[in-house]
Amino acid sequence: VQLQASGGGSVQVGGSLRLSCASSGVILSVFTSGMGWYRQAPGKEREFVAEIADGGVTHYADFAKSRFTISRDNIRRRVYLQMNGLKPEDTAVYYCRSNILNIWGQGTLVTVSS
């Protein structure tokens, strides 16, 4: 099983990015049971951002509500994180995770500058 995050980059305040997490070797039931996005800013602990679980139910960290949207493509086994209204405090390495398998993908760096 492998997870690979991509789509990070450098944007200015207020900009948008769409992160993608490609999974391989994950059966559908495991994929739909729960995939999440987390982030780790420099000098800080990794924190929860959003998750999408059975039935497409989503949960967001408070800072992500109204700005971030998690979605998934079950056929392609991909999870997305649309991030709008980015702020400097959103600068971090973003990781995707299989909640059931507790497997982390390689992160993708998001840098937001003012």
PDB file of N, CA and C in Angstrom:
ATOM      1  N   VAL A   1       0.849  -1.194   0.000  1.00  0.00           N
ATOM      2  CA  VAL A   1       0.000   0.000   0.000  1.00  0.00           C
ATOM      3  C   VAL A   1       0.881   1.238   0.000  1.00  0.00           C
ATOM      4  N   GLN A   2       0.561   2.150  -0.882  1.00  0.00           N
ATOM      5  CA  GLN A   2       1.315   3.397  -0.939  1.00  0.00           C
ATOM      6  C   GLN A   2       0.378   4.572  -1.112  1.00  0.00           C
ATOM      7  N   LEU A   3       0.741   5.660  -0.448  1.00  0.00           N
ATOM      8  CA  LEU A   3       0.016   6.904  -0.597  1.00  0.00           C
ATOM      9  C   LEU A   3       1.001   7.974  -1.033  1.00  0.00           C
ATOM     10  N   GLN A   4       0.594   8.780  -1.986  1.00  0.00           N
ATOM     11  CA  GLN A   4       1.477   9.829  -2.483  1.00  0.00           C
ATOM     12  C   GLN A   4       0.700  11.125  -2.619  1.00  0.00           C
ATOM     13  N   ALA A   5       1.102  12.099  -1.824  1.00  0.00           N
ATOM     14  CA  ALA A   5       0.461  13.413  -1.891  1.00  0.00           C
ATOM     15  C   ALA A   5       1.180  14.299  -2.890  1.00  0.00           C
ATOM     16  N   SER A   6       0.429  15.146  -3.541  1.00  0.00           N
ATOM     17  CA  SER A   6       1.000  16.091  -4.499  1.00  0.00           C
ATOM     18  C   SER A   6       0.106  17.323  -4.575  1.00  0.00           C
ATOM     19  N   GLY A   7       0.593  18.330  -5.285  1.00  0.00           N
ATOM     20  CA  GLY A   7      -0.206  19.522  -5.495  1.00  0.00           C
ATOM     21  C   GLY A   7       0.200  20.714  -4.655  1.00  0.00           C
ATOM     22  N   GLY A   8       1.172  20.520  -3.786  1.00  0.00           N
ATOM     23  CA  GLY A   8       1.623  21.630  -2.977  1.00  0.00           C
ATOM     24  C   GLY A   8       2.377  22.650  -3.810  1.00  0.00           C
ATOM     25  N   GLY A   9       2.674  23.772  -3.178  1.00  0.00           N
ATOM     26  CA  GLY A   9       3.403  24.812  -3.875  1.00  0.00           C
ATOM     27  C   GLY A   9       3.405  26.086  -3.064  1.00  0.00           C
ATOM     28  N   SER A  10       3.840  27.153  -3.709  1.00  0.00           N
ATOM     29  CA  SER A  10       3.904  28.454  -3.060  1.00  0.00           C
ATOM     30  C   SER A  10       2.805  29.350  -3.615  1.00  0.00           C
ATOM     31  N   VAL A  11       2.027  29.932  -2.726  1.00  0.00           N
ATOM     32  CA  VAL A  11       0.954  30.834  -3.126  1.00  0.00           C
ATOM     33  C   VAL A  11       0.955  32.039  -2.216  1.00  0.00           C
ATOM     34  N   GLN A  12       0.275  33.071  -2.649  1.00  0.00           N
ATOM     35  CA  GLN A  12       0.136  34.256  -1.823  1.00  0.00           C
ATOM     36  C   GLN A  12      -1.120  34.144  -0.974  1.00  0.00           C
ATOM     37  N   VAL A  13      -1.169  34.982   0.016  1.00  0.00           N
ATOM     38  CA  VAL A  13      -2.326  35.009   0.905  1.00  0.00           C
ATOM     39  C   VAL A  13      -3.603  35.173   0.086  1.00  0.00           C
ATOM     40  N   GLY A  14      -4.581  34.347   0.441  1.00  0.00           N
ATOM     41  CA  GLY A  14      -5.849  34.385  -0.281  1.00  0.00           C
ATOM     42  C   GLY A  14      -5.918  33.461  -1.471  1.00  0.00           C
ATOM     43  N   GLY A  15      -4.795  32.862  -1.803  1.00  0.00           N
ATOM     44  CA  GLY A  15      -4.754  31.970  -2.953  1.00  0.00           C
ATOM     45  C   GLY A  15      -5.362  30.606  -2.663  1.00  0.00           C
ATOM     46  N   SER A  16      -5.334  29.767  -3.669  1.00  0.00           N
ATOM     47  CA  SER A  16      -5.930  28.434  -3.565  1.00  0.00           C
ATOM     48  C   SER A  16      -4.963  27.377  -4.072  1.00  0.00           C
ATOM     49  N   LEU A  17      -5.105  26.196  -3.524  1.00  0.00           N
ATOM     50  CA  LEU A  17      -4.373  25.035  -3.994  1.00  0.00           C
ATOM     51  C   LEU A  17      -5.279  23.821  -3.876  1.00  0.00           C
ATOM     52  N   ARG A  18      -5.045  22.856  -4.733  1.00  0.00           N
ATOM     53  CA  ARG A  18      -5.766  21.597  -4.647  1.00  0.00           C
ATOM     54  C   ARG A  18      -4.750  20.476  -4.485  1.00  0.00           C
ATOM     55  N   LEU A  19      -4.784  19.853  -3.329  1.00  0.00           N
ATOM     56  CA  LEU A  19      -3.894  18.735  -3.067  1.00  0.00           C
ATOM     57  C   LEU A  19      -4.556  17.440  -3.506  1.00  0.00           C
ATOM     58  N   SER A  20      -3.723  16.523  -3.928  1.00  0.00           N
ATOM     59  CA  SER A  20      -4.216  15.220  -4.361  1.00  0.00           C
ATOM     60  C   SER A  20      -3.426  14.125  -3.653  1.00  0.00           C
ATOM     61  N   CYS A  21      -4.106  13.068  -3.287  1.00  0.00           N
ATOM     62  CA  CYS A  21      -3.452  11.909  -2.676  1.00  0.00           C
ATOM     63  C   CYS A  21      -3.804  10.684  -3.496  1.00  0.00           C
ATOM     64  N   ALA A  22      -2.800  10.115  -4.124  1.00  0.00           N
ATOM     65  CA  ALA A  22      -3.000   8.903  -4.914  1.00  0.00           C
ATOM     66  C   ALA A  22      -2.677   7.688  -4.064  1.00  0.00           C
ATOM     67  N   SER A  23      -3.571   6.733  -4.055  1.00  0.00           N
ATOM     68  CA  SER A  23      -3.337   5.518  -3.282  1.00  0.00           C
ATOM     69  C   SER A  23      -3.220   4.327  -4.222  1.00  0.00           C
ATOM     70  N   SER A  24      -2.351   3.430  -3.870  1.00  0.00           N
ATOM     71  CA  SER A  24      -2.198   2.206  -4.638  1.00  0.00           C
ATOM     72  C   SER A  24      -2.171   1.021  -3.688  1.00  0.00           C
ATOM     73  N   GLY A  25      -2.779  -0.061  -4.131  1.00  0.00           N
ATOM     74  CA  GLY A  25      -2.809  -1.246  -3.295  1.00  0.00           C
ATOM     75  C   GLY A  25      -3.844  -1.191  -2.194  1.00  0.00           C
ATOM     76  N   VAL A  26      -4.757  -0.234  -2.263  1.00  0.00           N
ATOM     77  CA  VAL A  26      -5.787  -0.092  -1.235  1.00  0.00           C
ATOM     78  C   VAL A  26      -7.109  -0.597  -1.791  1.00  0.00           C
ATOM     79  N   ILE A  27      -7.698  -1.567  -1.106  1.00  0.00           N
ATOM     80  CA  ILE A  27      -8.990  -2.058  -1.579  1.00  0.00           C
ATOM     81  C   ILE A  27     -10.068  -1.023  -1.303  1.00  0.00           C
ATOM     82  N   LEU A  28     -11.147  -1.101  -2.047  1.00  0.00           N
ATOM     83  CA  LEU A  28     -12.171  -0.064  -1.996  1.00  0.00           C
ATOM     84  C   LEU A  28     -12.745   0.127  -0.594  1.00  0.00           C
ATOM     85  N   SER A  29     -13.024  -0.964   0.082  1.00  0.00           N
ATOM     86  CA  SER A  29     -13.651  -0.845   1.399  1.00  0.00           C
ATOM     87  C   SER A  29     -12.744  -0.125   2.393  1.00  0.00           C
ATOM     88  N   VAL A  30     -11.469  -0.367   2.284  1.00  0.00           N
ATOM     89  CA  VAL A  30     -10.522   0.327   3.160  1.00  0.00           C
ATOM     90  C   VAL A  30     -10.446   1.793   2.769  1.00  0.00           C
ATOM     91  N   PHE A  31     -10.430   2.051   1.480  1.00  0.00           N
ATOM     92  CA  PHE A  31     -10.340   3.427   0.999  1.00  0.00           C
ATOM     93  C   PHE A  31     -11.549   4.240   1.457  1.00  0.00           C
ATOM     94  N   THR A  32     -12.734   3.678   1.308  1.00  0.00           N
ATOM     95  CA  THR A  32     -13.933   4.444   1.645  1.00  0.00           C
ATOM     96  C   THR A  32     -14.189   4.510   3.153  1.00  0.00           C
ATOM     97  N   SER A  33     -13.524   3.663   3.899  1.00  0.00           N
ATOM     98  CA  SER A  33     -13.729   3.695   5.351  1.00  0.00           C
ATOM     99  C   SER A  33     -13.161   4.948   5.988  1.00  0.00           C
ATOM    100  N   GLY A  34     -12.154   5.493   5.353  1.00  0.00           N
ATOM    101  CA  GLY A  34     -11.633   6.713   5.941  1.00  0.00           C
ATOM    102  C   GLY A  34     -10.276   7.103   5.403  1.00  0.00           C
ATOM    103  N   MET A  35     -10.219   8.270   4.825  1.00  0.00           N
ATOM    104  CA  MET A  35      -8.967   8.861   4.380  1.00  0.00           C
ATOM    105  C   MET A  35      -8.900  10.267   4.948  1.00  0.00           C
ATOM    106  N   GLY A  36      -7.722  10.642   5.383  1.00  0.00           N
ATOM    107  CA  GLY A  36      -7.607  11.943   6.013  1.00  0.00           C
ATOM    108  C   GLY A  36      -6.423  12.748   5.519  1.00  0.00           C
ATOM    109  N   TRP A  37      -6.527  14.029   5.776  1.00  0.00           N
ATOM    110  CA  TRP A  37      -5.414  14.951   5.523  1.00  0.00           C
ATOM    111  C   TRP A  37      -4.948  15.509   6.855  1.00  0.00           C
ATOM    112  N   TYR A  38      -3.653  15.592   7.011  1.00  0.00           N
ATOM    113  CA  TYR A  38      -3.028  16.155   8.193  1.00  0.00           C
ATOM    114  C   TYR A  38      -1.946  17.111   7.728  1.00  0.00           C
ATOM    115  N   ARG A  39      -1.463  17.922   8.650  1.00  0.00           N
ATOM    116  CA  ARG A  39      -0.388  18.833   8.278  1.00  0.00           C
ATOM    117  C   ARG A  39       0.557  19.020   9.453  1.00  0.00           C
ATOM    118  N   GLN A  40       1.777  19.385   9.107  1.00  0.00           N
ATOM    119  CA  GLN A  40       2.782  19.660  10.123  1.00  0.00           C
ATOM    120  C   GLN A  40       3.544  20.914   9.735  1.00  0.00           C
ATOM    121  N   ALA A  41       3.374  21.923  10.550  1.00  0.00           N
ATOM    122  CA  ALA A  41       4.078  23.183  10.326  1.00  0.00           C
ATOM    123  C   ALA A  41       5.454  23.106  10.983  1.00  0.00           C
ATOM    124  N   PRO A  42       6.392  23.924  10.539  1.00  0.00           N
ATOM    125  CA  PRO A  42       7.733  23.904  11.123  1.00  0.00           C
ATOM    126  C   PRO A  42       7.695  24.112  12.629  1.00  0.00           C
ATOM    127  N   GLY A  43       8.331  23.213  13.353  1.00  0.00           N
ATOM    128  CA  GLY A  43       8.403  23.336  14.791  1.00  0.00           C
ATOM    129  C   GLY A  43       7.137  22.965  15.536  1.00  0.00           C
ATOM    130  N   LYS A  44       6.155  22.444  14.838  1.00  0.00           N
ATOM    131  CA  LYS A  44       4.891  22.090  15.483  1.00  0.00           C
ATOM    132  C   LYS A  44       4.572  20.609  15.263  1.00  0.00           C
ATOM    133  N   GLU A  45       3.646  20.119  16.051  1.00  0.00           N
ATOM    134  CA  GLU A  45       3.226  18.742  15.909  1.00  0.00           C
ATOM    135  C   GLU A  45       2.266  18.602  14.722  1.00  0.00           C
ATOM    136  N   ARG A  46       2.222  17.384  14.224  1.00  0.00           N
ATOM    137  CA  ARG A  46       1.294  17.106  13.135  1.00  0.00           C
ATOM    138  C   ARG A  46      -0.134  17.254  13.650  1.00  0.00           C
ATOM    139  N   GLU A  47      -1.005  17.833  12.837  1.00  0.00           N
ATOM    140  CA  GLU A  47      -2.382  18.039  13.266  1.00  0.00           C
ATOM    141  C   GLU A  47      -3.375  17.617  12.189  1.00  0.00           C
ATOM    142  N   PHE A  48      -4.541  17.281  12.645  1.00  0.00           N
ATOM    143  CA  PHE A  48      -5.623  16.863  11.781  1.00  0.00           C
ATOM    144  C   PHE A  48      -6.158  18.051  10.984  1.00  0.00           C
ATOM    145  N   VAL A  49      -6.470  17.796   9.709  1.00  0.00           N
ATOM    146  CA  VAL A  49      -7.055  18.826   8.857  1.00  0.00           C
ATOM    147  C   VAL A  49      -8.484  18.449   8.470  1.00  0.00           C
ATOM    148  N   ALA A  50      -8.630  17.278   7.856  1.00  0.00           N
ATOM    149  CA  ALA A  50      -9.951  16.856   7.385  1.00  0.00           C
ATOM    150  C   ALA A  50      -9.932  15.363   7.114  1.00  0.00           C
ATOM    151  N   GLU A  51     -11.102  14.773   7.113  1.00  0.00           N
ATOM    152  CA  GLU A  51     -11.226  13.373   6.752  1.00  0.00           C
ATOM    153  C   GLU A  51     -12.539  13.142   6.032  1.00  0.00           C
ATOM    154  N   ILE A  52     -12.559  12.062   5.250  1.00  0.00           N
ATOM    155  CA  ILE A  52     -13.777  11.651   4.561  1.00  0.00           C
ATOM    156  C   ILE A  52     -13.924  10.162   4.799  1.00  0.00           C
ATOM    157  N   ALA A  53     -15.094   9.776   5.284  1.00  0.00           N
ATOM    158  CA  ALA A  53     -15.286   8.401   5.735  1.00  0.00           C
ATOM    159  C   ALA A  53     -16.462   7.749   5.003  1.00  0.00           C
ATOM    160  N   ASP A  54     -16.966   6.692   5.604  1.00  0.00           N
ATOM    161  CA  ASP A  54     -18.080   5.954   5.020  1.00  0.00           C
ATOM    162  C   ASP A  54     -19.240   6.881   4.672  1.00  0.00           C
ATOM    163  N   GLY A  55     -19.809   6.634   3.521  1.00  0.00           N
ATOM    164  CA  GLY A  55     -20.948   7.429   3.084  1.00  0.00           C
ATOM    165  C   GLY A  55     -20.587   8.835   2.677  1.00  0.00           C
ATOM    166  N   GLY A  56     -19.306   9.102   2.589  1.00  0.00           N
ATOM    167  CA  GLY A  56     -18.878  10.446   2.224  1.00  0.00           C
ATOM    168  C   GLY A  56     -18.972  11.453   3.352  1.00  0.00           C
ATOM    169  N   VAL A  57     -19.133  10.949   4.564  1.00  0.00           N
ATOM    170  CA  VAL A  57     -19.216  11.858   5.717  1.00  0.00           C
ATOM    171  C   VAL A  57     -17.865  12.526   5.919  1.00  0.00           C
ATOM    172  N   THR A  58     -17.880  13.818   6.115  1.00  0.00           N
ATOM    173  CA  THR A  58     -16.641  14.584   6.256  1.00  0.00           C
ATOM    174  C   THR A  58     -16.554  15.249   7.619  1.00  0.00           C
ATOM    175  N   HIS A  59     -15.327  15.412   8.057  1.00  0.00           N
ATOM    176  CA  HIS A  59     -15.048  16.131   9.295  1.00  0.00           C
ATOM    177  C   HIS A  59     -13.879  17.069   9.032  1.00  0.00           C
ATOM    178  N   TYR A  60     -13.931  18.227   9.666  1.00  0.00           N
ATOM    179  CA  TYR A  60     -12.893  19.223   9.466  1.00  0.00           C
ATOM    180  C   TYR A  60     -12.400  19.774  10.799  1.00  0.00           C
ATOM    181  N   ALA A  61     -11.142  20.137  10.824  1.00  0.00           N
ATOM    182  CA  ALA A  61     -10.635  20.911  11.938  1.00  0.00           C
ATOM    183  C   ALA A  61     -11.280  22.292  11.855  1.00  0.00           C
ATOM    184  N   ASP A  62     -11.363  22.955  12.989  1.00  0.00           N
ATOM    185  CA  ASP A  62     -12.028  24.261  13.009  1.00  0.00           C
ATOM    186  C   ASP A  62     -11.403  25.236  12.014  1.00  0.00           C
ATOM    187  N   PHE A  63     -10.082  25.197  11.902  1.00  0.00           N
ATOM    188  CA  PHE A  63      -9.425  26.163  11.018  1.00  0.00           C
ATOM    189  C   PHE A  63      -9.710  25.877   9.550  1.00  0.00           C
ATOM    190  N   ALA A  64     -10.161  24.639   9.250  1.00  0.00           N
ATOM    191  CA  ALA A  64     -10.394  24.251   7.865  1.00  0.00           C
ATOM    192  C   ALA A  64     -11.838  24.474   7.416  1.00  0.00           C
ATOM    193  N   LYS A  65     -12.711  24.571   8.389  1.00  0.00           N
ATOM    194  CA  LYS A  65     -14.120  24.743   8.031  1.00  0.00           C
ATOM    195  C   LYS A  65     -14.310  26.034   7.231  1.00  0.00           C
ATOM    196  N   SER A  66     -15.104  25.949   6.204  1.00  0.00           N
ATOM    197  CA  SER A  66     -15.475  27.056   5.307  1.00  0.00           C
ATOM    198  C   SER A  66     -14.377  27.426   4.321  1.00  0.00           C
ATOM    199  N   ARG A  67     -13.138  26.917   4.523  1.00  0.00           N
ATOM    200  CA  ARG A  67     -12.072  27.246   3.571  1.00  0.00           C
ATOM    201  C   ARG A  67     -11.587  26.023   2.797  1.00  0.00           C
ATOM    202  N   PHE A  68     -11.595  24.862   3.444  1.00  0.00           N
ATOM    203  CA  PHE A  68     -11.075  23.636   2.835  1.00  0.00           C
ATOM    204  C   PHE A  68     -12.222  22.683   2.539  1.00  0.00           C
ATOM    205  N   THR A  69     -12.072  21.907   1.476  1.00  0.00           N
ATOM    206  CA  THR A  69     -13.050  20.886   1.130  1.00  0.00           C
ATOM    207  C   THR A  69     -12.337  19.601   0.759  1.00  0.00           C
ATOM    208  N   ILE A  70     -12.694  18.525   1.446  1.00  0.00           N
ATOM    209  CA  ILE A  70     -12.130  17.215   1.134  1.00  0.00           C
ATOM    210  C   ILE A  70     -13.109  16.458   0.252  1.00  0.00           C
ATOM    211  N   SER A  71     -12.575  15.737  -0.704  1.00  0.00           N
ATOM    212  CA  SER A  71     -13.414  14.936  -1.592  1.00  0.00           C
ATOM    213  C   SER A  71     -12.614  13.724  -2.033  1.00  0.00           C
ATOM    214  N   ARG A  72     -13.283  12.817  -2.729  1.00  0.00           N
ATOM    215  CA  ARG A  72     -12.565  11.620  -3.146  1.00  0.00           C
ATOM    216  C   ARG A  72     -13.131  11.085  -4.457  1.00  0.00           C
ATOM    217  N   ASP A  73     -12.307  10.309  -5.114  1.00  0.00           N
ATOM    218  CA  ASP A  73     -12.688   9.606  -6.337  1.00  0.00           C
ATOM    219  C   ASP A  73     -12.472   8.124  -6.051  1.00  0.00           C
ATOM    220  N   ASN A  74     -13.554   7.411  -5.807  1.00  0.00           N
ATOM    221  CA  ASN A  74     -13.427   6.007  -5.409  1.00  0.00           C
ATOM    222  C   ASN A  74     -12.843   5.141  -6.523  1.00  0.00           C
ATOM    223  N   ILE A  75     -13.129   5.480  -7.767  1.00  0.00           N
ATOM    224  CA  ILE A  75     -12.626   4.664  -8.870  1.00  0.00           C
ATOM    225  C   ILE A  75     -11.125   4.818  -8.983  1.00  0.00           C
ATOM    226  N   ARG A  76     -10.647   6.038  -8.902  1.00  0.00           N
ATOM    227  CA  ARG A  76      -9.215   6.284  -9.015  1.00  0.00           C
ATOM    228  C   ARG A  76      -8.487   6.133  -7.686  1.00  0.00           C
ATOM    229  N   ARG A  77      -9.223   5.914  -6.603  1.00  0.00           N
ATOM    230  CA  ARG A  77      -8.622   5.824  -5.270  1.00  0.00           C
ATOM    231  C   ARG A  77      -7.800   7.083  -4.956  1.00  0.00           C
ATOM    232  N   ARG A  78      -8.393   8.204  -5.210  1.00  0.00           N
ATOM    233  CA  ARG A  78      -7.719   9.467  -4.933  1.00  0.00           C
ATOM    234  C   ARG A  78      -8.544  10.301  -3.957  1.00  0.00           C
ATOM    235  N   VAL A  79      -7.856  11.003  -3.119  1.00  0.00           N
ATOM    236  CA  VAL A  79      -8.490  11.929  -2.186  1.00  0.00           C
ATOM    237  C   VAL A  79      -7.933  13.316  -2.478  1.00  0.00           C
ATOM    238  N   TYR A  80      -8.801  14.312  -2.396  1.00  0.00           N
ATOM    239  CA  TYR A  80      -8.411  15.671  -2.721  1.00  0.00           C
ATOM    240  C   TYR A  80      -8.668  16.592  -1.538  1.00  0.00           C
ATOM    241  N   LEU A  81      -7.909  17.655  -1.495  1.00  0.00           N
ATOM    242  CA  LEU A  81      -8.142  18.704  -0.520  1.00  0.00           C
ATOM    243  C   LEU A  81      -8.071  20.039  -1.254  1.00  0.00           C
ATOM    244  N   GLN A  82      -9.223  20.633  -1.443  1.00  0.00           N
ATOM    245  CA  GLN A  82      -9.291  21.953  -2.049  1.00  0.00           C
ATOM    246  C   GLN A  82      -9.145  22.987  -0.946  1.00  0.00           C
ATOM    247  N   MET A  83      -8.144  23.835  -1.076  1.00  0.00           N
ATOM    248  CA  MET A  83      -7.871  24.835  -0.056  1.00  0.00           C
ATOM    249  C   MET A  83      -8.009  26.219  -0.664  1.00  0.00           C
ATOM    250  N   ASN A  84      -8.915  26.985  -0.101  1.00  0.00           N
ATOM    251  CA  ASN A  84      -9.151  28.348  -0.558  1.00  0.00           C
ATOM    252  C   ASN A  84      -8.862  29.327   0.566  1.00  0.00           C
ATOM    253  N   GLY A  85      -8.676  30.567   0.208  1.00  0.00           N
ATOM    254  CA  GLY A  85      -8.439  31.580   1.225  1.00  0.00           C
ATOM    255  C   GLY A  85      -7.239  31.263   2.095  1.00  0.00           C
ATOM    256  N   LEU A  86      -6.157  30.830   1.478  1.00  0.00           N
ATOM    257  CA  LEU A  86      -5.000  30.396   2.254  1.00  0.00           C
ATOM    258  C   LEU A  86      -4.369  31.536   3.033  1.00  0.00           C
ATOM    259  N   LYS A  87      -3.876  31.184   4.216  1.00  0.00           N
ATOM    260  CA  LYS A  87      -3.268  32.126   5.131  1.00  0.00           C
ATOM    261  C   LYS A  87      -1.830  31.692   5.409  1.00  0.00           C
ATOM    262  N   PRO A  88      -0.984  32.608   5.871  1.00  0.00           N
ATOM    263  CA  PRO A  88       0.398  32.214   6.191  1.00  0.00           C
ATOM    264  C   PRO A  88       0.464  31.063   7.192  1.00  0.00           C
ATOM    265  N   GLU A  89      -0.470  31.005   8.117  1.00  0.00           N
ATOM    266  CA  GLU A  89      -0.467  29.934   9.108  1.00  0.00           C
ATOM    267  C   GLU A  89      -0.852  28.579   8.529  1.00  0.00           C
ATOM    268  N   ASP A  90      -1.250  28.542   7.275  1.00  0.00           N
ATOM    269  CA  ASP A  90      -1.517  27.267   6.608  1.00  0.00           C
ATOM    270  C   ASP A  90      -0.233  26.660   6.042  1.00  0.00           C
ATOM    271  N   THR A  91       0.860  27.385   6.129  1.00  0.00           N
ATOM    272  CA  THR A  91       2.144  26.859   5.654  1.00  0.00           C
ATOM    273  C   THR A  91       2.523  25.625   6.451  1.00  0.00           C
ATOM    274  N   ALA A  92       2.734  24.532   5.741  1.00  0.00           N
ATOM    275  CA  ALA A  92       3.021  23.257   6.393  1.00  0.00           C
ATOM    276  C   ALA A  92       3.265  22.199   5.324  1.00  0.00           C
ATOM    277  N   VAL A  93       3.748  21.069   5.788  1.00  0.00           N
ATOM    278  CA  VAL A  93       3.778  19.883   4.931  1.00  0.00           C
ATOM    279  C   VAL A  93       2.461  19.147   5.158  1.00  0.00           C
ATOM    280  N   TYR A  94       1.775  18.848   4.099  1.00  0.00           N
ATOM    281  CA  TYR A  94       0.471  18.194   4.176  1.00  0.00           C
ATOM    282  C   TYR A  94       0.623  16.719   3.813  1.00  0.00           C
ATOM    283  N   TYR A  95       0.011  15.879   4.643  1.00  0.00           N
ATOM    284  CA  TYR A  95       0.092  14.433   4.476  1.00  0.00           C
ATOM    285  C   TYR A  95      -1.307  13.842   4.340  1.00  0.00           C
ATOM    286  N   CYS A  96      -1.390  12.791   3.560  1.00  0.00           N
ATOM    287  CA  CYS A  96      -2.634  12.028   3.549  1.00  0.00           C
ATOM    288  C   CYS A  96      -2.412  10.721   4.321  1.00  0.00           C
ATOM    289  N   ARG A  97      -3.502  10.175   4.788  1.00  0.00           N
ATOM    290  CA  ARG A  97      -3.415   8.997   5.663  1.00  0.00           C
ATOM    291  C   ARG A  97      -4.615   8.096   5.449  1.00  0.00           C
ATOM    292  N   SER A  98      -4.347   6.816   5.446  1.00  0.00           N
ATOM    293  CA  SER A  98      -5.426   5.840   5.503  1.00  0.00           C
ATOM    294  C   SER A  98      -5.757   5.630   6.966  1.00  0.00           C
ATOM    295  N   ASN A  99      -6.951   6.001   7.372  1.00  0.00           N
ATOM    296  CA  ASN A  99      -7.309   5.912   8.781  1.00  0.00           C
ATOM    297  C   ASN A  99      -7.354   4.465   9.285  1.00  0.00           C
ATOM    298  N   ILE A 100      -7.786   3.566   8.419  1.00  0.00           N
ATOM    299  CA  ILE A 100      -7.904   2.167   8.844  1.00  0.00           C
ATOM    300  C   ILE A 100      -6.535   1.514   8.945  1.00  0.00           C
ATOM    301  N   LEU A 101      -5.698   1.746   7.947  1.00  0.00           N
ATOM    302  CA  LEU A 101      -4.392   1.110   7.914  1.00  0.00           C
ATOM    303  C   LEU A 101      -3.334   1.903   8.680  1.00  0.00           C
ATOM    304  N   ASN A 102      -3.663   3.130   9.028  1.00  0.00           N
ATOM    305  CA  ASN A 102      -2.709   4.018   9.696  1.00  0.00           C
ATOM    306  C   ASN A 102      -1.410   4.114   8.893  1.00  0.00           C
ATOM    307  N   ILE A 103      -1.577   4.307   7.605  1.00  0.00           N
ATOM    308  CA  ILE A 103      -0.430   4.470   6.702  1.00  0.00           C
ATOM    309  C   ILE A 103      -0.401   5.905   6.213  1.00  0.00           C
ATOM    310  N   TRP A 104       0.795   6.471   6.240  1.00  0.00           N
ATOM    311  CA  TRP A 104       0.982   7.858   5.836  1.00  0.00           C
ATOM    312  C   TRP A 104       1.656   7.915   4.479  1.00  0.00           C
ATOM    313  N   GLY A 105       1.277   8.913   3.713  1.00  0.00           N
ATOM    314  CA  GLY A 105       1.950   9.143   2.447  1.00  0.00           C
ATOM    315  C   GLY A 105       3.059  10.155   2.623  1.00  0.00           C
ATOM    316  N   GLN A 106       3.860  10.273   1.589  1.00  0.00           N
ATOM    317  CA  GLN A 106       4.852  11.335   1.573  1.00  0.00           C
ATOM    318  C   GLN A 106       4.130  12.659   1.530  1.00  0.00           C
ATOM    319  N   GLY A 107       4.613  13.626   2.214  1.00  0.00           N
ATOM    320  CA  GLY A 107       3.929  14.900   2.276  1.00  0.00           C
ATOM    321  C   GLY A 107       4.186  15.787   1.085  1.00  0.00           C
ATOM    322  N   THR A 108       3.416  16.842   1.014  1.00  0.00           N
ATOM    323  CA  THR A 108       3.599  17.858  -0.015  1.00  0.00           C
ATOM    324  C   THR A 108       3.596  19.218   0.681  1.00  0.00           C
ATOM    325  N   LEU A 109       4.561  20.049   0.329  1.00  0.00           N
ATOM    326  CA  LEU A 109       4.772  21.308   1.031  1.00  0.00           C
ATOM    327  C   LEU A 109       3.889  22.412   0.464  1.00  0.00           C
ATOM    328  N   VAL A 110       3.217  23.095   1.370  1.00  0.00           N
ATOM    329  CA  VAL A 110       2.406  24.266   1.019  1.00  0.00           C
ATOM    330  C   VAL A 110       3.014  25.469   1.726  1.00  0.00           C
ATOM    331  N   THR A 111       3.320  26.488   0.951  1.00  0.00           N
ATOM    332  CA  THR A 111       3.895  27.711   1.511  1.00  0.00           C
ATOM    333  C   THR A 111       3.012  28.881   1.109  1.00  0.00           C
ATOM    334  N   VAL A 112       2.551  29.608   2.104  1.00  0.00           N
ATOM    335  CA  VAL A 112       1.685  30.760   1.865  1.00  0.00           C
ATOM    336  C   VAL A 112       2.421  32.010   2.320  1.00  0.00           C
ATOM    337  N   SER A 113       2.619  32.928   1.419  1.00  0.00           N
ATOM    338  CA  SER A 113       3.371  34.140   1.736  1.00  0.00           C
ATOM    339  C   SER A 113       2.478  35.367   1.620  1.00  0.00           C
ATOM    340  N   SER A 114       2.814  36.343   2.438  1.00  0.00           N
ATOM    341  CA  SER A 114       2.019  37.578   2.451  1.00  0.00           C
ATOM    342  C   SER A 114       2.650  38.628   1.550  1.00  0.00           C
TER     343      SER A 114
END
